[in-house]
């Protein structure tokens, strides 16, 4: 699952059991979580209940081989945003959850004459296709989901790289510089001492 998500451009952190997953969800800000109910040490449903009790509001997609309606209801009542038994649907559902949590209903992101389809990786500016790397796509997708808001370099690092990856703050500046050349210098603004804002 993590390999499939990474291949689709997601930065993925993996927890091997419920205790680790519970801690990660309490201490890190995730765009979305795919949560298996059948976790060792601490069951997924208990993990979800603890997150919600602590006010953790990230979207959660419950993934399980269990399929009875009572288990589905229990997951949704515990605070799950969606429930899925078929793994091949995960990527599409996860994208939809992230869009909705960011206040975006359309699967294609738009900002002025910039149009980005995260599912295909196609970026157009004023109707012209623009080539971007995988990391440039991740940065731009994250900023477009948060258009008008200030996003710090640390926040971008957390959301474009998996947790165990060595992260260099300078790489964000490089990606922002490349994106400005491709989509226009004034589209991504630097807010001194705080980060970046799209628009």
N, C-alpha and C. Protein backbone atom coordinates (compact mmCIF):
# COMPACT_ATOMS: atom_id res chain seq x y z
N UNK A 1 0.81 -1.19 0.00
CA UNK A 1 0.00 0.00 0.00
C UNK A 1 0.86 1.26 0.00
N UNK A 2 1.90 1.27 0.86
CA UNK A 2 2.75 2.46 0.93
C UNK A 2 3.49 2.69 -0.38
N UNK A 3 3.92 1.61 -1.04
CA UNK A 3 4.61 1.75 -2.33
C UNK A 3 3.67 2.29 -3.39
N UNK A 4 2.44 1.81 -3.40
CA UNK A 4 1.46 2.29 -4.38
C UNK A 4 1.15 3.76 -4.15
N UNK A 5 1.00 4.18 -2.91
CA UNK A 5 0.73 5.59 -2.61
C UNK A 5 1.92 6.47 -2.97
N UNK A 6 3.14 6.01 -2.64
CA UNK A 6 4.34 6.78 -2.97
C UNK A 6 4.47 6.93 -4.48
N UNK A 7 4.14 5.88 -5.22
CA UNK A 7 4.21 5.94 -6.68
C UNK A 7 3.23 6.96 -7.26
N UNK A 8 2.16 7.25 -6.51
CA UNK A 8 1.17 8.24 -6.94
C UNK A 8 1.49 9.64 -6.42
N UNK A 9 2.64 9.81 -5.78
CA UNK A 9 3.07 11.14 -5.37
C UNK A 9 2.79 11.51 -3.93
N UNK A 10 2.30 10.57 -3.12
CA UNK A 10 2.05 10.86 -1.71
C UNK A 10 3.33 10.67 -0.91
N UNK A 11 3.56 11.52 0.10
CA UNK A 11 4.62 11.30 1.08
C UNK A 11 4.01 10.41 2.15
N UNK A 12 4.59 9.23 2.35
CA UNK A 12 3.95 8.21 3.18
C UNK A 12 4.80 7.87 4.40
N UNK A 13 4.17 7.90 5.58
CA UNK A 13 4.76 7.38 6.81
C UNK A 13 4.01 6.10 7.16
N UNK A 14 4.73 5.09 7.65
CA UNK A 14 4.11 3.80 7.98
C UNK A 14 4.33 3.48 9.45
N UNK A 15 3.26 3.07 10.13
CA UNK A 15 3.35 2.61 11.52
C UNK A 15 3.15 1.10 11.51
N UNK A 16 4.03 0.38 12.19
CA UNK A 16 3.98 -1.08 12.19
C UNK A 16 2.92 -1.65 13.13
N UNK A 17 2.48 -0.85 14.11
CA UNK A 17 1.45 -1.34 15.03
C UNK A 17 0.62 -0.17 15.54
N UNK A 18 -0.42 -0.49 16.29
CA UNK A 18 -1.34 0.53 16.77
C UNK A 18 -0.73 1.51 17.74
N UNK A 19 0.18 1.06 18.60
CA UNK A 19 0.83 1.96 19.54
C UNK A 19 1.62 3.04 18.81
N UNK A 20 2.42 2.62 17.84
CA UNK A 20 3.22 3.57 17.07
C UNK A 20 2.31 4.49 16.27
N UNK A 21 1.30 3.92 15.63
CA UNK A 21 0.36 4.72 14.84
C UNK A 21 -0.36 5.75 15.67
N UNK A 22 -0.77 5.36 16.87
CA UNK A 22 -1.47 6.27 17.78
C UNK A 22 -0.56 7.45 18.12
N UNK A 23 0.69 7.16 18.46
CA UNK A 23 1.65 8.21 18.80
C UNK A 23 1.89 9.14 17.60
N UNK A 24 2.09 8.55 16.41
CA UNK A 24 2.33 9.37 15.22
C UNK A 24 1.16 10.31 14.94
N UNK A 25 -0.05 9.78 15.05
CA UNK A 25 -1.23 10.59 14.79
C UNK A 25 -1.47 11.68 15.82
N UNK A 26 -0.95 11.47 17.03
CA UNK A 26 -1.09 12.47 18.08
C UNK A 26 -0.03 13.56 18.00
N UNK A 27 1.11 13.25 17.37
CA UNK A 27 2.24 14.19 17.39
C UNK A 27 2.57 14.80 16.02
N UNK A 28 2.02 14.27 14.95
CA UNK A 28 2.31 14.79 13.61
C UNK A 28 1.03 15.30 12.97
N UNK A 29 1.15 16.30 12.10
CA UNK A 29 0.00 16.81 11.35
C UNK A 29 -0.02 16.14 9.98
N UNK A 30 -0.99 15.26 9.78
CA UNK A 30 -1.13 14.54 8.52
C UNK A 30 -2.29 15.09 7.72
N UNK A 31 -2.14 15.08 6.39
CA UNK A 31 -3.25 15.49 5.52
C UNK A 31 -4.37 14.47 5.57
N UNK A 32 -4.01 13.21 5.70
CA UNK A 32 -4.99 12.13 5.78
C UNK A 32 -4.30 10.88 6.30
N UNK A 33 -5.11 9.95 6.84
CA UNK A 33 -4.58 8.70 7.38
C UNK A 33 -5.37 7.54 6.81
N UNK A 34 -4.65 6.49 6.38
CA UNK A 34 -5.27 5.22 6.03
C UNK A 34 -5.04 4.33 7.25
N UNK A 35 -6.12 3.91 7.90
CA UNK A 35 -6.02 3.19 9.16
C UNK A 35 -6.61 1.80 9.04
N UNK A 36 -5.78 0.79 9.29
CA UNK A 36 -6.23 -0.60 9.30
C UNK A 36 -6.80 -0.91 10.67
N UNK A 37 -7.97 -1.52 10.72
CA UNK A 37 -8.57 -1.86 12.01
C UNK A 37 -7.88 -3.03 12.69
N UNK A 38 -7.24 -3.91 11.91
CA UNK A 38 -6.62 -5.11 12.47
C UNK A 38 -5.16 -4.92 12.81
N UNK A 39 -4.81 -3.87 13.54
CA UNK A 39 -3.42 -3.60 13.91
C UNK A 39 -3.01 -4.40 15.13
N UNK A 40 -1.74 -4.82 15.20
CA UNK A 40 -1.26 -5.47 16.42
C UNK A 40 -1.09 -4.44 17.55
N UNK A 41 -1.06 -4.91 18.77
CA UNK A 41 -0.85 -4.14 20.01
C UNK A 41 -2.06 -3.29 20.38
N UNK A 42 -2.48 -2.38 19.49
CA UNK A 42 -3.63 -1.52 19.78
C UNK A 42 -4.52 -1.52 18.55
N UNK A 43 -5.76 -2.00 18.66
CA UNK A 43 -6.63 -2.09 17.48
C UNK A 43 -6.88 -0.71 16.86
N UNK A 44 -7.07 -0.72 15.55
CA UNK A 44 -7.29 0.52 14.82
C UNK A 44 -8.45 1.35 15.33
N UNK A 45 -9.53 0.69 15.71
CA UNK A 45 -10.70 1.42 16.22
C UNK A 45 -10.36 2.18 17.50
N UNK A 46 -9.54 1.58 18.36
CA UNK A 46 -9.12 2.25 19.59
C UNK A 46 -8.18 3.42 19.28
N UNK A 47 -7.32 3.22 18.29
CA UNK A 47 -6.42 4.31 17.85
C UNK A 47 -7.26 5.51 17.41
N UNK A 48 -8.25 5.25 16.58
CA UNK A 48 -9.12 6.30 16.07
C UNK A 48 -9.86 7.02 17.20
N UNK A 49 -10.39 6.26 18.15
CA UNK A 49 -11.10 6.86 19.29
C UNK A 49 -10.18 7.77 20.10
N UNK A 50 -8.94 7.34 20.31
CA UNK A 50 -7.98 8.16 21.06
C UNK A 50 -7.63 9.44 20.32
N UNK A 51 -7.44 9.34 18.99
CA UNK A 51 -7.16 10.55 18.21
C UNK A 51 -8.30 11.54 18.34
N UNK A 52 -9.51 11.07 18.14
CA UNK A 52 -10.66 11.98 18.19
C UNK A 52 -10.86 12.56 19.59
N UNK A 53 -10.59 11.75 20.63
CA UNK A 53 -10.72 12.25 22.01
C UNK A 53 -9.72 13.36 22.29
N UNK A 54 -8.56 13.32 21.60
CA UNK A 54 -7.54 14.35 21.78
C UNK A 54 -7.70 15.50 20.80
N UNK A 55 -8.79 15.49 20.03
CA UNK A 55 -9.06 16.60 19.12
C UNK A 55 -8.31 16.54 17.81
N UNK A 56 -7.76 15.37 17.47
CA UNK A 56 -7.04 15.22 16.19
C UNK A 56 -8.08 15.04 15.09
N UNK A 57 -8.11 15.98 14.14
CA UNK A 57 -9.21 16.03 13.16
C UNK A 57 -8.81 15.67 11.74
N UNK A 58 -7.61 15.10 11.54
CA UNK A 58 -7.21 14.74 10.18
C UNK A 58 -8.20 13.71 9.61
N UNK A 59 -8.44 13.77 8.28
CA UNK A 59 -9.34 12.78 7.68
C UNK A 59 -8.77 11.37 7.83
N UNK A 60 -9.64 10.42 8.15
CA UNK A 60 -9.21 9.04 8.35
C UNK A 60 -10.03 8.12 7.46
N UNK A 61 -9.32 7.36 6.64
CA UNK A 61 -9.93 6.35 5.78
C UNK A 61 -9.65 4.99 6.42
N UNK A 62 -10.69 4.32 6.90
CA UNK A 62 -10.54 3.02 7.52
C UNK A 62 -10.45 1.96 6.43
N UNK A 63 -9.41 1.16 6.50
CA UNK A 63 -9.19 0.08 5.54
C UNK A 63 -9.18 -1.23 6.31
N UNK A 64 -10.03 -2.16 5.88
CA UNK A 64 -10.10 -3.42 6.61
C UNK A 64 -10.65 -4.53 5.74
N UNK A 65 -10.31 -5.74 6.11
CA UNK A 65 -10.88 -6.91 5.42
C UNK A 65 -12.25 -7.23 5.99
N UNK A 66 -12.56 -6.67 7.16
CA UNK A 66 -13.86 -6.90 7.78
C UNK A 66 -14.92 -6.15 6.99
N UNK A 67 -16.07 -6.74 6.86
CA UNK A 67 -17.05 -6.08 6.01
C UNK A 67 -18.46 -6.00 6.54
N UNK A 68 -18.71 -6.38 7.79
CA UNK A 68 -20.08 -6.35 8.26
C UNK A 68 -20.52 -4.91 8.50
N UNK A 69 -21.81 -4.69 8.38
CA UNK A 69 -22.31 -3.32 8.55
C UNK A 69 -22.10 -2.81 9.97
N UNK A 70 -22.11 -3.70 10.98
CA UNK A 70 -21.91 -3.24 12.35
C UNK A 70 -20.48 -2.72 12.55
N UNK A 71 -19.51 -3.37 11.91
CA UNK A 71 -18.13 -2.90 12.01
C UNK A 71 -17.95 -1.57 11.29
N UNK A 72 -18.62 -1.43 10.14
CA UNK A 72 -18.57 -0.16 9.41
C UNK A 72 -19.16 0.97 10.24
N UNK A 73 -20.31 0.70 10.84
CA UNK A 73 -20.96 1.71 11.67
C UNK A 73 -20.07 2.08 12.86
N UNK A 74 -19.45 1.08 13.49
CA UNK A 74 -18.56 1.34 14.62
C UNK A 74 -17.40 2.24 14.20
N UNK A 75 -16.82 1.98 13.05
CA UNK A 75 -15.72 2.80 12.54
C UNK A 75 -16.16 4.23 12.27
N UNK A 76 -17.29 4.39 11.61
CA UNK A 76 -17.80 5.73 11.30
C UNK A 76 -18.19 6.47 12.58
N UNK A 77 -18.80 5.77 13.52
CA UNK A 77 -19.18 6.40 14.80
C UNK A 77 -17.96 6.81 15.62
N UNK A 78 -16.85 6.10 15.44
CA UNK A 78 -15.62 6.44 16.18
C UNK A 78 -14.91 7.65 15.58
N UNK A 79 -15.35 8.08 14.39
CA UNK A 79 -14.75 9.28 13.80
C UNK A 79 -14.11 9.08 12.45
N UNK A 80 -14.27 7.90 11.85
CA UNK A 80 -13.72 7.68 10.50
C UNK A 80 -14.47 8.56 9.50
N UNK A 81 -13.78 9.00 8.47
CA UNK A 81 -14.41 9.81 7.43
C UNK A 81 -14.89 8.95 6.27
N UNK A 82 -14.29 7.78 6.12
CA UNK A 82 -14.70 6.86 5.05
C UNK A 82 -14.26 5.47 5.47
N UNK A 83 -14.83 4.47 4.83
CA UNK A 83 -14.59 3.08 5.21
C UNK A 83 -14.44 2.30 3.93
N UNK A 84 -13.39 1.51 3.81
CA UNK A 84 -13.11 0.84 2.55
C UNK A 84 -12.58 -0.56 2.77
N UNK A 85 -13.12 -1.50 2.04
CA UNK A 85 -12.64 -2.87 2.12
C UNK A 85 -11.85 -3.30 0.90
N UNK A 86 -11.84 -2.47 -0.13
CA UNK A 86 -11.15 -2.82 -1.38
C UNK A 86 -9.96 -1.89 -1.58
N UNK A 87 -8.73 -2.38 -1.39
CA UNK A 87 -7.55 -1.52 -1.45
C UNK A 87 -7.36 -0.75 -2.75
N UNK A 88 -7.84 -1.27 -3.88
CA UNK A 88 -7.59 -0.59 -5.15
C UNK A 88 -8.30 0.76 -5.25
N UNK A 89 -9.26 1.02 -4.37
CA UNK A 89 -9.96 2.29 -4.38
C UNK A 89 -9.30 3.33 -3.47
N UNK A 90 -8.29 2.94 -2.73
CA UNK A 90 -7.72 3.81 -1.70
C UNK A 90 -7.21 5.13 -2.26
N UNK A 91 -6.46 5.10 -3.35
CA UNK A 91 -5.84 6.33 -3.86
C UNK A 91 -6.90 7.36 -4.23
N UNK A 92 -7.93 6.97 -4.95
CA UNK A 92 -8.98 7.91 -5.34
C UNK A 92 -9.72 8.44 -4.11
N UNK A 93 -10.03 7.58 -3.16
CA UNK A 93 -10.74 8.01 -1.96
C UNK A 93 -9.88 8.95 -1.12
N UNK A 94 -8.58 8.65 -1.02
CA UNK A 94 -7.67 9.48 -0.24
C UNK A 94 -7.56 10.88 -0.84
N UNK A 95 -7.46 10.95 -2.15
CA UNK A 95 -7.41 12.27 -2.80
C UNK A 95 -8.69 13.06 -2.51
N UNK A 96 -9.83 12.38 -2.55
CA UNK A 96 -11.11 13.05 -2.28
C UNK A 96 -11.17 13.56 -0.85
N UNK A 97 -10.70 12.76 0.12
CA UNK A 97 -10.70 13.19 1.52
C UNK A 97 -9.82 14.41 1.72
N UNK A 98 -8.63 14.42 1.11
CA UNK A 98 -7.72 15.56 1.26
C UNK A 98 -8.32 16.80 0.62
N UNK A 99 -8.96 16.64 -0.54
CA UNK A 99 -9.61 17.79 -1.18
C UNK A 99 -10.68 18.37 -0.28
N UNK A 100 -11.55 17.51 0.23
CA UNK A 100 -12.65 18.00 1.07
C UNK A 100 -12.15 18.64 2.35
N UNK A 101 -11.11 18.07 2.96
CA UNK A 101 -10.60 18.65 4.21
C UNK A 101 -9.95 20.00 3.97
N UNK A 102 -9.49 20.23 2.73
CA UNK A 102 -8.91 21.53 2.37
C UNK A 102 -9.93 22.49 1.81
N UNK A 103 -11.21 22.09 1.79
CA UNK A 103 -12.27 22.96 1.29
C UNK A 103 -12.38 22.99 -0.22
N UNK A 104 -11.81 21.98 -0.89
CA UNK A 104 -11.84 21.93 -2.35
C UNK A 104 -12.69 20.74 -2.77
N UNK A 105 -13.71 20.99 -3.58
CA UNK A 105 -14.60 19.91 -4.00
C UNK A 105 -14.14 19.27 -5.31
N UNK A 106 -13.59 20.07 -6.21
CA UNK A 106 -13.21 19.59 -7.53
C UNK A 106 -11.90 18.81 -7.46
N UNK A 107 -11.78 17.77 -8.26
CA UNK A 107 -10.54 16.98 -8.27
C UNK A 107 -9.40 17.71 -8.98
N UNK A 108 -9.74 18.66 -9.83
CA UNK A 108 -8.74 19.47 -10.52
C UNK A 108 -8.60 20.79 -9.78
N UNK A 109 -7.36 21.16 -9.47
CA UNK A 109 -7.09 22.39 -8.72
C UNK A 109 -6.88 23.55 -9.68
N UNK A 110 -7.46 24.71 -9.36
CA UNK A 110 -7.35 25.88 -10.22
C UNK A 110 -6.96 27.10 -9.40
N UNK A 111 -6.07 27.90 -9.98
CA UNK A 111 -5.71 29.18 -9.37
C UNK A 111 -5.38 30.12 -10.53
N UNK A 112 -6.31 31.03 -10.81
CA UNK A 112 -6.12 31.91 -11.97
C UNK A 112 -6.05 31.08 -13.24
N UNK A 113 -4.99 31.26 -14.01
CA UNK A 113 -4.85 30.49 -15.25
C UNK A 113 -4.02 29.22 -15.06
N UNK A 114 -3.78 28.86 -13.78
CA UNK A 114 -3.03 27.64 -13.46
C UNK A 114 -4.03 26.54 -13.15
N UNK A 115 -3.88 25.41 -13.85
CA UNK A 115 -4.76 24.26 -13.66
C UNK A 115 -3.88 23.04 -13.40
N UNK A 116 -4.14 22.35 -12.29
CA UNK A 116 -3.34 21.20 -11.91
C UNK A 116 -4.25 20.02 -11.60
N UNK A 117 -3.97 18.90 -12.25
CA UNK A 117 -4.69 17.66 -11.97
C UNK A 117 -3.74 16.73 -11.21
N UNK A 118 -3.86 16.65 -9.88
CA UNK A 118 -2.94 15.81 -9.10
C UNK A 118 -2.98 14.34 -9.48
N UNK A 119 -4.12 13.86 -9.97
CA UNK A 119 -4.24 12.44 -10.31
C UNK A 119 -3.38 12.08 -11.52
N UNK A 120 -3.27 13.00 -12.48
CA UNK A 120 -2.48 12.72 -13.68
C UNK A 120 -1.13 13.40 -13.67
N UNK A 121 -0.97 14.39 -12.78
CA UNK A 121 0.28 15.15 -12.74
C UNK A 121 0.39 16.18 -13.84
N UNK A 122 -0.71 16.49 -14.50
CA UNK A 122 -0.69 17.45 -15.61
C UNK A 122 -0.92 18.86 -15.07
N UNK A 123 0.01 19.76 -15.41
CA UNK A 123 -0.07 21.15 -15.04
C UNK A 123 -0.14 21.99 -16.31
N UNK A 124 -1.12 22.90 -16.35
CA UNK A 124 -1.19 23.83 -17.47
C UNK A 124 -1.20 25.26 -16.92
N UNK A 125 -0.53 26.14 -17.65
CA UNK A 125 -0.51 27.56 -17.32
C UNK A 125 -0.95 28.30 -18.58
N UNK A 126 -2.05 29.03 -18.48
CA UNK A 126 -2.63 29.75 -19.62
C UNK A 126 -2.85 28.80 -20.80
N UNK A 127 -3.29 27.57 -20.50
CA UNK A 127 -3.60 26.60 -21.54
C UNK A 127 -2.41 25.81 -22.07
N UNK A 128 -1.22 26.16 -21.65
CA UNK A 128 0.00 25.46 -22.10
C UNK A 128 0.45 24.46 -21.05
N UNK A 129 0.77 23.24 -21.47
CA UNK A 129 1.25 22.22 -20.55
C UNK A 129 2.66 22.55 -20.08
N UNK A 130 2.88 22.42 -18.78
CA UNK A 130 4.17 22.72 -18.17
C UNK A 130 4.67 21.46 -17.49
N UNK A 131 5.90 21.06 -17.77
CA UNK A 131 6.48 19.87 -17.17
C UNK A 131 6.99 20.19 -15.76
N UNK A 132 6.65 19.33 -14.80
CA UNK A 132 7.14 19.49 -13.43
C UNK A 132 7.65 18.16 -12.92
N UNK A 133 8.59 18.23 -11.98
CA UNK A 133 9.10 17.01 -11.37
C UNK A 133 8.11 16.54 -10.30
N UNK A 134 8.33 15.33 -9.78
CA UNK A 134 7.43 14.78 -8.77
C UNK A 134 7.39 15.66 -7.52
N UNK A 135 8.54 16.16 -7.08
CA UNK A 135 8.56 16.99 -5.88
C UNK A 135 7.99 18.38 -6.14
N UNK A 136 8.22 18.93 -7.32
CA UNK A 136 7.58 20.21 -7.66
C UNK A 136 6.07 20.05 -7.65
N UNK A 137 5.59 18.91 -8.16
CA UNK A 137 4.16 18.62 -8.17
C UNK A 137 3.62 18.54 -6.74
N UNK A 138 4.35 17.89 -5.85
CA UNK A 138 3.91 17.78 -4.46
C UNK A 138 3.82 19.16 -3.80
N UNK A 139 4.85 19.99 -4.01
CA UNK A 139 4.85 21.33 -3.42
C UNK A 139 3.69 22.15 -3.94
N UNK A 140 3.50 22.16 -5.26
CA UNK A 140 2.44 22.97 -5.85
C UNK A 140 1.06 22.46 -5.44
N UNK A 141 0.88 21.15 -5.40
CA UNK A 141 -0.41 20.58 -4.97
C UNK A 141 -0.72 21.03 -3.55
N UNK A 142 0.27 20.95 -2.67
CA UNK A 142 0.06 21.34 -1.27
C UNK A 142 -0.30 22.81 -1.18
N UNK A 143 0.41 23.66 -1.90
CA UNK A 143 0.12 25.10 -1.86
C UNK A 143 -1.24 25.42 -2.46
N UNK A 144 -1.62 24.71 -3.53
CA UNK A 144 -2.91 24.98 -4.17
C UNK A 144 -4.07 24.55 -3.27
N UNK A 145 -3.88 23.50 -2.49
CA UNK A 145 -4.92 23.10 -1.54
C UNK A 145 -5.09 24.15 -0.44
N UNK A 146 -4.05 24.96 -0.24
CA UNK A 146 -4.07 25.96 0.83
C UNK A 146 -3.91 27.37 0.27
N UNK A 147 -4.44 27.61 -0.92
CA UNK A 147 -4.32 28.92 -1.58
C UNK A 147 -4.80 30.03 -0.65
N UNK A 148 -4.01 31.09 -0.56
CA UNK A 148 -4.35 32.23 0.29
C UNK A 148 -3.84 32.12 1.71
N UNK A 149 -3.39 30.93 2.11
CA UNK A 149 -2.87 30.73 3.47
C UNK A 149 -1.35 30.69 3.44
N UNK A 150 -0.74 31.08 4.54
CA UNK A 150 0.72 31.01 4.66
C UNK A 150 1.11 29.58 5.04
N UNK A 151 2.07 29.03 4.30
CA UNK A 151 2.58 27.69 4.56
C UNK A 151 4.07 27.81 4.85
N UNK A 152 4.50 27.36 6.02
CA UNK A 152 5.91 27.46 6.39
C UNK A 152 6.74 26.42 5.65
N UNK A 153 8.06 26.66 5.61
CA UNK A 153 8.96 25.69 5.00
C UNK A 153 8.90 24.36 5.74
N UNK A 154 8.83 24.40 7.06
CA UNK A 154 8.77 23.17 7.86
C UNK A 154 7.51 22.38 7.52
N UNK A 155 6.38 23.06 7.36
CA UNK A 155 5.14 22.38 7.01
C UNK A 155 5.25 21.72 5.64
N UNK A 156 5.84 22.43 4.68
CA UNK A 156 6.05 21.83 3.35
C UNK A 156 6.94 20.60 3.43
N UNK A 157 8.03 20.71 4.20
CA UNK A 157 8.92 19.56 4.36
C UNK A 157 8.17 18.36 4.91
N UNK A 158 7.34 18.59 5.93
CA UNK A 158 6.59 17.49 6.55
C UNK A 158 5.62 16.83 5.59
N UNK A 159 5.11 17.58 4.63
CA UNK A 159 4.06 17.06 3.77
C UNK A 159 4.53 16.58 2.40
N UNK A 160 5.78 16.86 2.04
CA UNK A 160 6.24 16.35 0.74
C UNK A 160 7.24 15.21 0.88
N UNK A 161 7.80 15.03 2.08
CA UNK A 161 8.75 13.94 2.31
C UNK A 161 8.18 12.95 3.32
N UNK A 162 8.42 11.65 3.11
CA UNK A 162 8.05 10.67 4.15
C UNK A 162 8.85 10.94 5.42
N UNK A 163 8.33 10.48 6.57
CA UNK A 163 8.91 10.78 7.87
C UNK A 163 10.38 10.44 8.06
N UNK A 164 10.84 9.32 7.50
CA UNK A 164 12.21 8.90 7.77
C UNK A 164 13.23 9.48 6.80
N UNK A 165 12.78 10.26 5.83
CA UNK A 165 13.68 10.84 4.84
C UNK A 165 14.47 11.99 5.44
N UNK A 166 15.77 12.07 5.08
CA UNK A 166 16.58 13.22 5.49
C UNK A 166 16.06 14.43 4.74
N UNK A 167 15.79 15.50 5.48
CA UNK A 167 15.15 16.68 4.88
C UNK A 167 16.08 17.88 4.96
N UNK A 168 16.22 18.56 3.86
CA UNK A 168 17.02 19.78 3.80
C UNK A 168 16.09 20.94 3.53
N UNK A 169 16.09 21.94 4.40
CA UNK A 169 15.20 23.09 4.24
C UNK A 169 15.49 23.83 2.94
N UNK A 170 16.75 23.78 2.49
CA UNK A 170 17.13 24.48 1.26
C UNK A 170 16.44 23.89 0.03
N UNK A 171 16.06 22.61 0.09
CA UNK A 171 15.41 22.01 -1.08
C UNK A 171 14.06 22.66 -1.35
N UNK A 172 13.38 23.12 -0.31
CA UNK A 172 12.10 23.81 -0.51
C UNK A 172 12.32 25.08 -1.33
N UNK A 173 13.36 25.83 -0.99
CA UNK A 173 13.67 27.06 -1.73
C UNK A 173 13.96 26.74 -3.19
N UNK A 174 14.66 25.63 -3.42
CA UNK A 174 14.97 25.23 -4.80
C UNK A 174 13.69 24.93 -5.57
N UNK A 175 12.78 24.12 -4.96
CA UNK A 175 11.53 23.78 -5.64
C UNK A 175 10.67 25.01 -5.88
N UNK A 176 10.60 25.91 -4.91
CA UNK A 176 9.82 27.14 -5.07
C UNK A 176 10.40 27.97 -6.21
N UNK A 177 11.73 28.08 -6.26
CA UNK A 177 12.38 28.84 -7.33
C UNK A 177 12.07 28.25 -8.71
N UNK A 178 12.13 26.93 -8.82
CA UNK A 178 11.82 26.28 -10.10
C UNK A 178 10.37 26.51 -10.49
N UNK A 179 9.46 26.37 -9.50
CA UNK A 179 8.04 26.56 -9.79
C UNK A 179 7.76 27.99 -10.23
N UNK A 180 8.41 28.97 -9.60
CA UNK A 180 8.21 30.37 -10.00
C UNK A 180 8.59 30.60 -11.46
N UNK A 181 9.66 29.95 -11.89
CA UNK A 181 10.08 30.09 -13.29
C UNK A 181 9.04 29.49 -14.24
N UNK A 182 8.36 28.45 -13.77
CA UNK A 182 7.43 27.72 -14.64
C UNK A 182 6.01 28.31 -14.62
N UNK A 183 5.59 28.87 -13.48
CA UNK A 183 4.19 29.32 -13.38
C UNK A 183 4.05 30.83 -13.20
N UNK A 184 5.19 31.51 -13.03
CA UNK A 184 5.15 32.96 -12.84
C UNK A 184 5.70 33.35 -11.49
N UNK A 185 6.54 34.35 -11.45
CA UNK A 185 7.25 34.74 -10.23
C UNK A 185 6.32 35.24 -9.14
N UNK A 186 5.20 35.87 -9.52
CA UNK A 186 4.32 36.48 -8.52
C UNK A 186 3.27 35.53 -7.96
N UNK A 187 3.19 34.32 -8.51
CA UNK A 187 2.14 33.39 -8.08
C UNK A 187 2.40 32.89 -6.66
N UNK A 188 3.65 32.50 -6.38
CA UNK A 188 4.02 32.04 -5.04
C UNK A 188 4.80 33.17 -4.38
N UNK A 189 4.21 33.74 -3.35
CA UNK A 189 4.83 34.87 -2.66
C UNK A 189 5.54 34.41 -1.39
N UNK A 190 6.66 35.03 -1.10
CA UNK A 190 7.37 34.77 0.14
C UNK A 190 6.85 35.74 1.20
N UNK A 191 6.46 35.22 2.33
CA UNK A 191 6.05 36.04 3.48
C UNK A 191 7.21 35.96 4.46
N UNK A 192 7.98 37.01 4.54
CA UNK A 192 9.24 36.99 5.30
C UNK A 192 9.07 36.47 6.72
N UNK A 193 9.91 35.50 7.04
CA UNK A 193 9.92 34.93 8.38
C UNK A 193 8.80 33.93 8.66
N UNK A 194 7.88 33.76 7.69
CA UNK A 194 6.73 32.87 7.92
C UNK A 194 6.65 31.73 6.92
N UNK A 195 6.90 32.00 5.64
CA UNK A 195 6.81 30.94 4.64
C UNK A 195 6.34 31.46 3.30
N UNK A 196 5.44 30.69 2.66
CA UNK A 196 4.98 31.00 1.31
C UNK A 196 3.47 31.03 1.26
N UNK A 197 2.98 31.82 0.30
CA UNK A 197 1.52 31.89 0.09
C UNK A 197 1.26 31.90 -1.39
N UNK A 198 0.34 31.05 -1.83
CA UNK A 198 -0.08 31.04 -3.23
C UNK A 198 -1.16 32.12 -3.37
N UNK A 199 -0.92 33.08 -4.28
CA UNK A 199 -1.91 34.15 -4.50
C UNK A 199 -1.64 35.34 -3.63
